[in-house]
Amino acid sequence: QVRLVESGGGLVQAGVSLRLSCAASGRIMSSNAMGWFRQAPGNEREFVASINSSGGTTWYADSVRGRFTISRDNAKNTVYLQMNSLKPEDTAVYYCAARYPLRTTVAVRASEYDYWGQGTQVTVSS
């Protein structure tokens, strides 16, 4: 079974940086595209960033482009989300997601992902 575990969330002030990690285990290897989503209270889950299986292609939501960077270390089965210049509106639970093996391309819709982590809370105070 596939398991995704996020870490790195916390309570921070606006303007600082955080790095989220997503450790993957089980039948999930470097052939999967990965993504990050977030959900704030009262809002739907929204796309944040995606990375293809090799790490050579990334895609971002307009709201985070230029501030967030997604990356992966396939040797460690880990995906990262570096978040810089955090804003209060970035406050949300952040979820890591993976596509089925061999679905290698980036994707922006939650329905295109097949495995999900439990989420990690990020709270940005003003």
Foldseek 3Di string as FASTA:
>chain_A
DKAKAKDWADEEAAFAKTKMKIAIDDPDALQKKKFKWWDDPPGDIFGAKIAFSVRPDMDGDPVQPPFWDWGDDRVRNMIMIIGGRDDQVVWTWMKMFIAPGNPGDTDGDPVRTDDIHPTDTHGYHD
